Amino acid sequence: MINFSLVDVKSITSNEPRSNFSVADLENLADIIIETGGIIRPLVVKVTGVESYTVVDGHFEYYAAVRAREKNPRQGEMVNAFVIAPKLEDLVVKQVASLKKIDSSTKQVTLQSETTKLEPRLANLELRLEKQFNEFKSEFIQERQRIDSQLKQLKNLIPQKSDQSNPLSLLNTLDKDELSIKLQRARISGAEKLAKGIFDARRKKPKQEFEDYRDVVKSVKSLGDKTIKLGDKTILTIIDEWSRS
């Protein structure tokens, strides 16, 4: 026969170590036991002597009740328990084991069911995220192309500095006739001969170009034609006139 009783916590023992349970969990349940005035799930205990019992089922609740008594001796003094007769001990132990097995199986089925339900949701979430990412990527590429296009348009609107305003560049690129015309417009005397001398001196350079203005004067003089006059004053006039034109 099974009797429901209020049993003094001090008279109960457990053959399962207290260390098997989380301290935080025991503390939490102990506080709830003190607030509610007892445990709602009675212990299953068997008689081991006069006013002494050992836990058959409910070891966690027992240690929580012990902790509740340690924290508040009055509130945690007594605990609800089913006291089983010695002759029913084996049957009760079997019942407890069966109930635990069913409970464990139910939890596993529930967990599998929740997992099964969760998998399609996760798959849909991944698809939505991938779709949003691809849309964002496409928008980003389009925006980048639009900005690049605007930058090119702006660049085309900015006046580019022409090499034609650089006298040294003109001396290195214009042919003989073009040099002659430019020199005549700058009112340089002997423009035609000077143009031919500059052109011939340039062709004799290793890279067919002058390094600087002094190189122009020096190279033209090295031709040895005394009819071609190009000195520092003349080159300065050329630079000044061509820079303004």
C-alpha atoms as a PDB file:
ATOM      1  CA  MET A   1       0.000   0.000   0.000  1.00  0.00           C
ATOM      2  CA  ILE A   2       1.173   3.543  -0.742  1.00  0.00           C
ATOM      3  CA  ASN A   3       0.525   6.282   1.818  1.00  0.00           C
ATOM      4  CA  PHE A   4       0.735  10.015   1.246  1.00  0.00           C
ATOM      5  CA  SER A   5       2.393  11.772   4.174  1.00  0.00           C
ATOM      6  CA  LEU A   6       4.263  14.850   5.328  1.00  0.00           C
ATOM      7  CA  VAL A   7       7.754  13.666   6.167  1.00  0.00           C
ATOM      8  CA  ASP A   8      10.488  15.520   8.019  1.00  0.00           C
ATOM      9  CA  VAL A   9      13.293  16.281   5.571  1.00  0.00           C
ATOM     10  CA  LYS A  10      15.864  15.370   8.234  1.00  0.00           C
ATOM     11  CA  SER A  11      14.580  11.809   8.304  1.00  0.00           C
ATOM     12  CA  ILE A  12      15.127  11.218   4.586  1.00  0.00           C
ATOM     13  CA  THR A  13      18.321  10.166   2.836  1.00  0.00           C
ATOM     14  CA  SER A  14      19.270   9.577  -0.811  1.00  0.00           C
ATOM     15  CA  ASN A  15      21.690   7.093  -2.324  1.00  0.00           C
ATOM     16  CA  GLU A  16      22.297   9.441  -5.258  1.00  0.00           C
ATOM     17  CA  PRO A  17      25.082  12.029  -4.755  1.00  0.00           C
ATOM     18  CA  ARG A  18      24.037  15.667  -4.422  1.00  0.00           C
ATOM     19  CA  SER A  19      26.876  16.594  -6.755  1.00  0.00           C
ATOM     20  CA  ASN A  20      24.955  14.989  -9.631  1.00  0.00           C
ATOM     21  CA  PHE A  21      22.713  18.043  -9.751  1.00  0.00           C
ATOM     22  CA  SER A  22      23.364  21.641 -10.731  1.00  0.00           C
ATOM     23  CA  VAL A  23      23.861  23.932  -7.750  1.00  0.00           C
ATOM     24  CA  ALA A  24      22.077  26.751  -9.554  1.00  0.00           C
ATOM     25  CA  ASP A  25      19.066  24.533 -10.336  1.00  0.00           C
ATOM     26  CA  LEU A  26      18.850  23.351  -6.722  1.00  0.00           C
ATOM     27  CA  GLU A  27      19.076  26.941  -5.469  1.00  0.00           C
ATOM     28  CA  ASN A  28      16.326  28.047  -7.836  1.00  0.00           C
ATOM     29  CA  LEU A  29      13.924  25.245  -6.853  1.00  0.00           C
ATOM     30  CA  ALA A  30      14.751  25.716  -3.149  1.00  0.00           C
ATOM     31  CA  ASP A  31      13.685  29.375  -3.374  1.00  0.00           C
ATOM     32  CA  ILE A  32      10.437  28.374  -5.093  1.00  0.00           C
ATOM     33  CA  ILE A  33       9.749  25.720  -2.418  1.00  0.00           C
ATOM     34  CA  ILE A  34      10.170  28.351   0.293  1.00  0.00           C
ATOM     35  CA  GLU A  35       7.859  30.787  -1.522  1.00  0.00           C
ATOM     36  CA  THR A  36       5.126  28.178  -2.192  1.00  0.00           C
ATOM     37  CA  GLY A  37       5.485  26.364   1.128  1.00  0.00           C
ATOM     38  CA  GLY A  38       6.326  22.933  -0.297  1.00  0.00           C
ATOM     39  CA  ILE A  39       6.959  20.803  -3.379  1.00  0.00           C
ATOM     40  CA  ILE A  40       4.122  20.074  -5.809  1.00  0.00           C
ATOM     41  CA  ARG A  41       5.657  16.790  -6.909  1.00  0.00           C
ATOM     42  CA  PRO A  42       5.845  14.497  -3.863  1.00  0.00           C
ATOM     43  CA  LEU A  43       8.869  12.326  -3.244  1.00  0.00           C
ATOM     44  CA  VAL A  44       8.582   8.562  -3.448  1.00  0.00           C
ATOM     45  CA  VAL A  45      10.314   7.108  -0.401  1.00  0.00           C
ATOM     46  CA  LYS A  46      10.572   3.746   1.298  1.00  0.00           C
ATOM     47  CA  VAL A  47      10.832   2.993   4.999  1.00  0.00           C
ATOM     48  CA  THR A  48      14.320   2.075   6.166  1.00  0.00           C
ATOM     49  CA  GLY A  49      13.740   2.250   9.930  1.00  0.00           C
ATOM     50  CA  VAL A  50      11.768   3.936  12.614  1.00  0.00           C
ATOM     51  CA  GLU A  51      11.045   7.412  11.262  1.00  0.00           C
ATOM     52  CA  SER A  52      13.742   7.046   8.593  1.00  0.00           C
ATOM     53  CA  TYR A  53      13.309   6.890   4.846  1.00  0.00           C
ATOM     54  CA  THR A  54      15.311   6.750   1.628  1.00  0.00           C
ATOM     55  CA  VAL A  55      14.372   8.220  -1.708  1.00  0.00           C
ATOM     56  CA  VAL A  56      13.143   5.912  -4.454  1.00  0.00           C
ATOM     57  CA  ASP A  57      12.197   8.649  -6.894  1.00  0.00           C
ATOM     58  CA  GLY A  58      12.574  12.428  -6.757  1.00  0.00           C
ATOM     59  CA  HIS A  59      16.234  12.773  -5.793  1.00  0.00           C
ATOM     60  CA  PHE A  60      16.483  16.246  -7.318  1.00  0.00           C
ATOM     61  CA  GLU A  61      13.359  17.448  -5.477  1.00  0.00           C
ATOM     62  CA  TYR A  62      14.731  15.934  -2.266  1.00  0.00           C
ATOM     63  CA  TYR A  63      18.033  17.840  -2.456  1.00  0.00           C
ATOM     64  CA  ALA A  64      16.132  21.019  -3.345  1.00  0.00           C
ATOM     65  CA  ALA A  65      13.984  20.488  -0.236  1.00  0.00           C
ATOM     66  CA  VAL A  66      17.152  19.913   1.816  1.00  0.00           C
ATOM     67  CA  ARG A  67      18.563  23.194   0.503  1.00  0.00           C
ATOM     68  CA  ALA A  68      15.254  24.955   1.252  1.00  0.00           C
ATOM     69  CA  ARG A  69      15.473  23.710   4.854  1.00  0.00           C
ATOM     70  CA  GLU A  70      19.076  24.938   5.072  1.00  0.00           C
ATOM     71  CA  LYS A  71      17.976  28.391   3.933  1.00  0.00           C
ATOM     72  CA  ASN A  72      14.727  28.506   5.949  1.00  0.00           C
ATOM     73  CA  PRO A  73      14.360  25.743   8.562  1.00  0.00           C
ATOM     74  CA  ARG A  74      10.700  26.513   9.270  1.00  0.00           C
ATOM     75  CA  GLN A  75       9.492  26.707   5.670  1.00  0.00           C
ATOM     76  CA  GLY A  76      11.476  23.683   4.574  1.00  0.00           C
ATOM     77  CA  GLU A  77      11.024  21.427   7.521  1.00  0.00           C
ATOM     78  CA  MET A  78       8.435  19.034   6.068  1.00  0.00           C
ATOM     79  CA  VAL A  79       8.071  17.612   2.572  1.00  0.00           C
ATOM     80  CA  ASN A  80       5.255  15.816   0.731  1.00  0.00           C
ATOM     81  CA  ALA A  81       6.030  12.149   0.107  1.00  0.00           C
ATOM     82  CA  PHE A  82       4.491   8.865  -0.948  1.00  0.00           C
ATOM     83  CA  VAL A  83       5.647   6.256   1.557  1.00  0.00           C
ATOM     84  CA  ILE A  84       5.660   2.753   0.082  1.00  0.00           C
ATOM     85  CA  ALA A  85       5.444  -0.469   2.038  1.00  0.00           C
ATOM     86  CA  PRO A  86       8.470  -2.785   1.814  1.00  0.00           C
ATOM     87  CA  LYS A  87       6.495  -5.462  -0.039  1.00  0.00           C
ATOM     88  CA  LEU A  88       5.581  -3.009  -2.786  1.00  0.00           C
ATOM     89  CA  GLU A  89       9.088  -1.637  -3.222  1.00  0.00           C
ATOM     90  CA  ASP A  90       9.992  -3.711  -6.289  1.00  0.00           C
ATOM     91  CA  LEU A  91       6.717  -2.882  -8.030  1.00  0.00           C
ATOM     92  CA  VAL A  92       7.063   0.813  -7.291  1.00  0.00           C
ATOM     93  CA  VAL A  93      10.655   0.814  -8.555  1.00  0.00           C
ATOM     94  CA  LYS A  94       9.460  -0.831 -11.781  1.00  0.00           C
ATOM     95  CA  GLN A  95       6.676   1.757 -12.093  1.00  0.00           C
ATOM     96  CA  VAL A  96       9.142   4.584 -11.586  1.00  0.00           C
ATOM     97  CA  ALA A  97      11.504   3.127 -14.202  1.00  0.00           C
ATOM     98  CA  SER A  98       8.621   2.670 -16.640  1.00  0.00           C
ATOM     99  CA  LEU A  99       7.413   6.222 -16.152  1.00  0.00           C
ATOM    100  CA  LYS A 100      10.929   7.587 -16.639  1.00  0.00           C
ATOM    101  CA  LYS A 101      11.298   5.566 -19.822  1.00  0.00           C
ATOM    102  CA  ILE A 102       7.981   6.893 -21.170  1.00  0.00           C
ATOM    103  CA  ASP A 103       8.898  10.430 -20.158  1.00  0.00           C
ATOM    104  CA  SER A 104      12.279  10.149 -21.871  1.00  0.00           C
ATOM    105  CA  SER A 105      10.706   8.669 -25.005  1.00  0.00           C
ATOM    106  CA  THR A 106       8.090  11.432 -25.102  1.00  0.00           C
ATOM    107  CA  LYS A 107      10.769  14.107 -24.801  1.00  0.00           C
ATOM    108  CA  GLN A 108      12.774  12.510 -27.599  1.00  0.00           C
ATOM    109  CA  VAL A 109       9.711  12.276 -29.890  1.00  0.00           C
ATOM    110  CA  THR A 110       8.806  15.873 -29.079  1.00  0.00           C
ATOM    111  CA  LEU A 111      12.354  17.013 -29.786  1.00  0.00           C
ATOM    112  CA  GLN A 112      12.424  15.111 -33.089  1.00  0.00           C
ATOM    113  CA  SER A 113       9.019  16.540 -34.008  1.00  0.00           C
ATOM    114  CA  GLU A 114      10.151  20.085 -33.216  1.00  0.00           C
ATOM    115  CA  THR A 115      13.370  19.497 -35.167  1.00  0.00           C
ATOM    116  CA  THR A 116      11.385  18.157 -38.127  1.00  0.00           C
ATOM    117  CA  LYS A 117       9.146  21.215 -38.045  1.00  0.00           C
ATOM    118  CA  LEU A 118      12.103  23.531 -37.690  1.00  0.00           C
ATOM    119  CA  GLU A 119      14.076  22.205 -40.673  1.00  0.00           C
ATOM    120  CA  PRO A 120      11.693  23.523 -43.388  1.00  0.00           C
ATOM    121  CA  ARG A 121      11.509  26.877 -41.613  1.00  0.00           C
ATOM    122  CA  LEU A 122      15.294  27.097 -41.551  1.00  0.00           C
ATOM    123  CA  ALA A 123      15.449  26.116 -45.208  1.00  0.00           C
ATOM    124  CA  ASN A 124      12.913  28.835 -46.092  1.00  0.00           C
ATOM    125  CA  LEU A 125      14.846  31.345 -44.026  1.00  0.00           C
ATOM    126  CA  GLU A 126      18.069  30.469 -45.861  1.00  0.00           C
ATOM    127  CA  LEU A 127      16.309  30.879 -49.216  1.00  0.00           C
ATOM    128  CA  ARG A 128      14.907  34.275 -48.206  1.00  0.00           C
ATOM    129  CA  LEU A 129      18.298  35.437 -46.960  1.00  0.00           C
ATOM    130  CA  GLU A 130      19.986  34.238 -50.141  1.00  0.00           C
ATOM    131  CA  LYS A 131      17.357  36.005 -52.256  1.00  0.00           C
ATOM    132  CA  GLN A 132      17.779  39.242 -50.297  1.00  0.00           C
ATOM    133  CA  PHE A 133      21.562  38.975 -50.570  1.00  0.00           C
ATOM    134  CA  ASN A 134      21.405  38.478 -54.339  1.00  0.00           C
ATOM    135  CA  GLU A 135      19.014  41.428 -54.675  1.00  0.00           C
ATOM    136  CA  PHE A 136      21.337  43.594 -52.595  1.00  0.00           C
ATOM    137  CA  LYS A 137      24.326  42.453 -54.656  1.00  0.00           C
ATOM    138  CA  SER A 138      22.518  43.268 -57.901  1.00  0.00           C
ATOM    139  CA  GLU A 139      21.516  46.710 -56.607  1.00  0.00           C
ATOM    140  CA  PHE A 140      25.074  47.333 -55.452  1.00  0.00           C
ATOM    141  CA  ILE A 141      26.502  46.446 -58.888  1.00  0.00           C
ATOM    142  CA  GLN A 142      23.964  48.669 -60.647  1.00  0.00           C
ATOM    143  CA  GLU A 143      24.687  51.558 -58.291  1.00  0.00           C
ATOM    144  CA  ARG A 144      28.407  51.133 -58.791  1.00  0.00           C
ATOM    145  CA  GLN A 145      27.991  51.155 -62.563  1.00  0.00           C
ATOM    146  CA  ARG A 146      25.830  54.279 -62.311  1.00  0.00           C
ATOM    147  CA  ILE A 147      28.455  56.065 -60.176  1.00  0.00           C
ATOM    148  CA  ASP A 148      31.261  55.001 -62.531  1.00  0.00           C
ATOM    149  CA  SER A 149      29.263  56.364 -65.450  1.00  0.00           C
ATOM    150  CA  GLN A 150      28.705  59.686 -63.673  1.00  0.00           C
ATOM    151  CA  LEU A 151      32.394  59.932 -62.810  1.00  0.00           C
ATOM    152  CA  LYS A 152      33.323  59.410 -66.445  1.00  0.00           C
ATOM    153  CA  GLN A 153      30.892  62.106 -67.511  1.00  0.00           C
ATOM    154  CA  LEU A 154      32.313  64.512 -64.940  1.00  0.00           C
ATOM    155  CA  LYS A 155      35.832  63.677 -66.037  1.00  0.00           C
ATOM    156  CA  ASN A 156      34.951  64.486 -69.617  1.00  0.00           C
ATOM    157  CA  LEU A 157      33.614  67.856 -68.517  1.00  0.00           C
ATOM    158  CA  ILE A 158      36.892  68.802 -66.816  1.00  0.00           C
ATOM    159  CA  PRO A 159      39.193  70.588 -69.264  1.00  0.00           C
ATOM    160  CA  GLN A 160      42.274  68.479 -69.842  1.00  0.00           C
ATOM    161  CA  LYS A 161      45.611  70.191 -69.902  1.00  0.00           C
ATOM    162  CA  SER A 162      46.919  69.875 -73.409  1.00  0.00           C
ATOM    163  CA  ASP A 163      50.522  69.177 -74.216  1.00  0.00           C
ATOM    164  CA  GLN A 164      50.123  71.880 -76.859  1.00  0.00           C
ATOM    165  CA  SER A 165      50.593  74.456 -74.092  1.00  0.00           C
ATOM    166  CA  ASN A 166      53.933  72.921 -73.127  1.00  0.00           C
ATOM    167  CA  PRO A 167      56.709  74.486 -75.277  1.00  0.00           C
ATOM    168  CA  LEU A 168      59.128  71.596 -74.649  1.00  0.00           C
ATOM    169  CA  SER A 169      56.491  69.096 -75.749  1.00  0.00           C
ATOM    170  CA  LEU A 170      55.942  71.128 -78.940  1.00  0.00           C
ATOM    171  CA  LEU A 171      59.686  71.213 -79.633  1.00  0.00           C
ATOM    172  CA  ASN A 172      59.730  67.412 -79.280  1.00  0.00           C
ATOM    173  CA  THR A 173      56.665  66.613 -81.397  1.00  0.00           C
ATOM    174  CA  LEU A 174      56.066  69.173 -84.172  1.00  0.00           C
ATOM    175  CA  ASP A 175      57.498  68.465 -87.586  1.00  0.00           C
ATOM    176  CA  LYS A 176      59.710  70.959 -89.444  1.00  0.00           C
ATOM    177  CA  ASP A 177      56.902  72.884 -91.147  1.00  0.00           C
ATOM    178  CA  GLU A 178      54.784  73.082 -88.014  1.00  0.00           C
ATOM    179  CA  LEU A 179      57.785  74.359 -86.051  1.00  0.00           C
ATOM    180  CA  SER A 180      58.414  76.986 -88.692  1.00  0.00           C
ATOM    181  CA  ILE A 181      54.825  78.260 -88.525  1.00  0.00           C
ATOM    182  CA  LYS A 182      54.861  78.397 -84.707  1.00  0.00           C
ATOM    183  CA  LEU A 183      58.183  80.261 -84.698  1.00  0.00           C
ATOM    184  CA  GLN A 184      56.977  82.754 -87.304  1.00  0.00           C
ATOM    185  CA  ARG A 185      53.851  83.464 -85.239  1.00  0.00           C
ATOM    186  CA  ALA A 186      56.103  84.087 -82.235  1.00  0.00           C
ATOM    187  CA  ARG A 187      58.024  86.596 -84.417  1.00  0.00           C
ATOM    188  CA  ILE A 188      61.303  84.688 -84.138  1.00  0.00           C
ATOM    189  CA  SER A 189      63.827  85.839 -86.750  1.00  0.00           C
ATOM    190  CA  GLY A 190      65.140  83.161 -89.101  1.00  0.00           C
ATOM    191  CA  ALA A 191      62.158  80.996 -88.187  1.00  0.00           C
ATOM    192  CA  GLU A 192      62.456  78.655 -91.158  1.00  0.00           C
ATOM    193  CA  LYS A 193      66.161  77.856 -90.656  1.00  0.00           C
ATOM    194  CA  LEU A 194      65.711  77.577 -86.875  1.00  0.00           C
ATOM    195  CA  ALA A 195      62.797  75.170 -87.357  1.00  0.00           C
ATOM    196  CA  LYS A 196      64.968  72.985 -89.634  1.00  0.00           C
ATOM    197  CA  GLY A 197      67.849  73.114 -87.132  1.00  0.00           C
ATOM    198  CA  ILE A 198      65.595  72.110 -84.205  1.00  0.00           C
ATOM    199  CA  PHE A 199      64.057  69.323 -86.256  1.00  0.00           C
ATOM    200  CA  ASP A 200      67.470  67.969 -87.407  1.00  0.00           C
ATOM    201  CA  ALA A 201      68.975  68.228 -83.915  1.00  0.00           C
ATOM    202  CA  ARG A 202      66.011  66.354 -82.446  1.00  0.00           C
ATOM    203  CA  ARG A 203      66.359  63.484 -84.927  1.00  0.00           C
ATOM    204  CA  LYS A 204      69.954  63.002 -83.835  1.00  0.00           C
ATOM    205  CA  LYS A 205      68.962  62.493 -80.181  1.00  0.00           C
ATOM    206  CA  PRO A 206      69.011  58.855 -78.967  1.00  0.00           C
ATOM    207  CA  LYS A 207      65.295  58.974 -78.132  1.00  0.00           C
ATOM    208  CA  GLN A 208      64.582  61.689 -80.704  1.00  0.00           C
ATOM    209  CA  GLU A 209      63.480  64.163 -78.056  1.00  0.00           C
ATOM    210  CA  PHE A 210      65.087  66.906 -75.989  1.00  0.00           C
ATOM    211  CA  GLU A 211      65.524  66.468 -72.247  1.00  0.00           C
ATOM    212  CA  ASP A 212      65.006  70.149 -71.404  1.00  0.00           C
ATOM    213  CA  TYR A 213      65.348  73.653 -72.900  1.00  0.00           C
ATOM    214  CA  ARG A 214      69.098  73.810 -72.349  1.00  0.00           C
ATOM    215  CA  ASP A 215      69.389  70.555 -74.247  1.00  0.00           C
ATOM    216  CA  VAL A 216      67.550  72.197 -77.180  1.00  0.00           C
ATOM    217  CA  VAL A 217      70.037  75.092 -77.308  1.00  0.00           C
ATOM    218  CA  LYS A 218      73.042  72.810 -76.907  1.00  0.00           C
ATOM    219  CA  SER A 219      71.844  70.284 -79.533  1.00  0.00           C
ATOM    220  CA  VAL A 220      71.112  72.955 -82.122  1.00  0.00           C
ATOM    221  CA  LYS A 221      74.542  74.578 -81.605  1.00  0.00           C
ATOM    222  CA  SER A 222      76.187  71.171 -81.979  1.00  0.00           C
ATOM    223  CA  LEU A 223      74.993  71.087 -85.599  1.00  0.00           C
ATOM    224  CA  GLY A 224      77.748  73.624 -86.343  1.00  0.00           C
ATOM    225  CA  ASP A 225      75.555  75.759 -88.630  1.00  0.00           C
ATOM    226  CA  LYS A 226      76.370  79.338 -87.670  1.00  0.00           C
ATOM    227  CA  THR A 227      73.448  80.667 -89.690  1.00  0.00           C
ATOM    228  CA  ILE A 228      71.075  79.067 -87.176  1.00  0.00           C
ATOM    229  CA  LYS A 229      70.919  81.298 -84.169  1.00  0.00           C
ATOM    230  CA  LEU A 230      69.444  79.899 -80.976  1.00  0.00           C
ATOM    231  CA  GLY A 231      70.632  81.286 -77.674  1.00  0.00           C
ATOM    232  CA  ASP A 232      69.215  81.671 -74.184  1.00  0.00           C
ATOM    233  CA  LYS A 233      67.348  84.861 -75.095  1.00  0.00           C
ATOM    234  CA  THR A 234      65.676  83.265 -78.106  1.00  0.00           C
ATOM    235  CA  ILE A 235      64.636  80.119 -76.250  1.00  0.00           C
ATOM    236  CA  LEU A 236      63.136  82.258 -73.466  1.00  0.00           C
ATOM    237  CA  THR A 237      61.143  84.195 -76.048  1.00  0.00           C
ATOM    238  CA  ILE A 238      59.884  80.921 -77.549  1.00  0.00           C
ATOM    239  CA  ILE A 239      58.853  79.639 -74.136  1.00  0.00           C
ATOM    240  CA  ASP A 240      57.075  82.861 -73.255  1.00  0.00           C
ATOM    241  CA  GLU A 241      55.200  83.158 -76.552  1.00  0.00           C
ATOM    242  CA  TRP A 242      54.195  79.531 -76.841  1.00  0.00           C
ATOM    243  CA  SER A 243      53.061  79.349 -73.227  1.00  0.00           C
ATOM    244  CA  ARG A 244      50.603  82.177 -73.856  1.00  0.00           C
ATOM    245  CA  SER A 245      49.284  80.912 -77.146  1.00  0.00           C
END
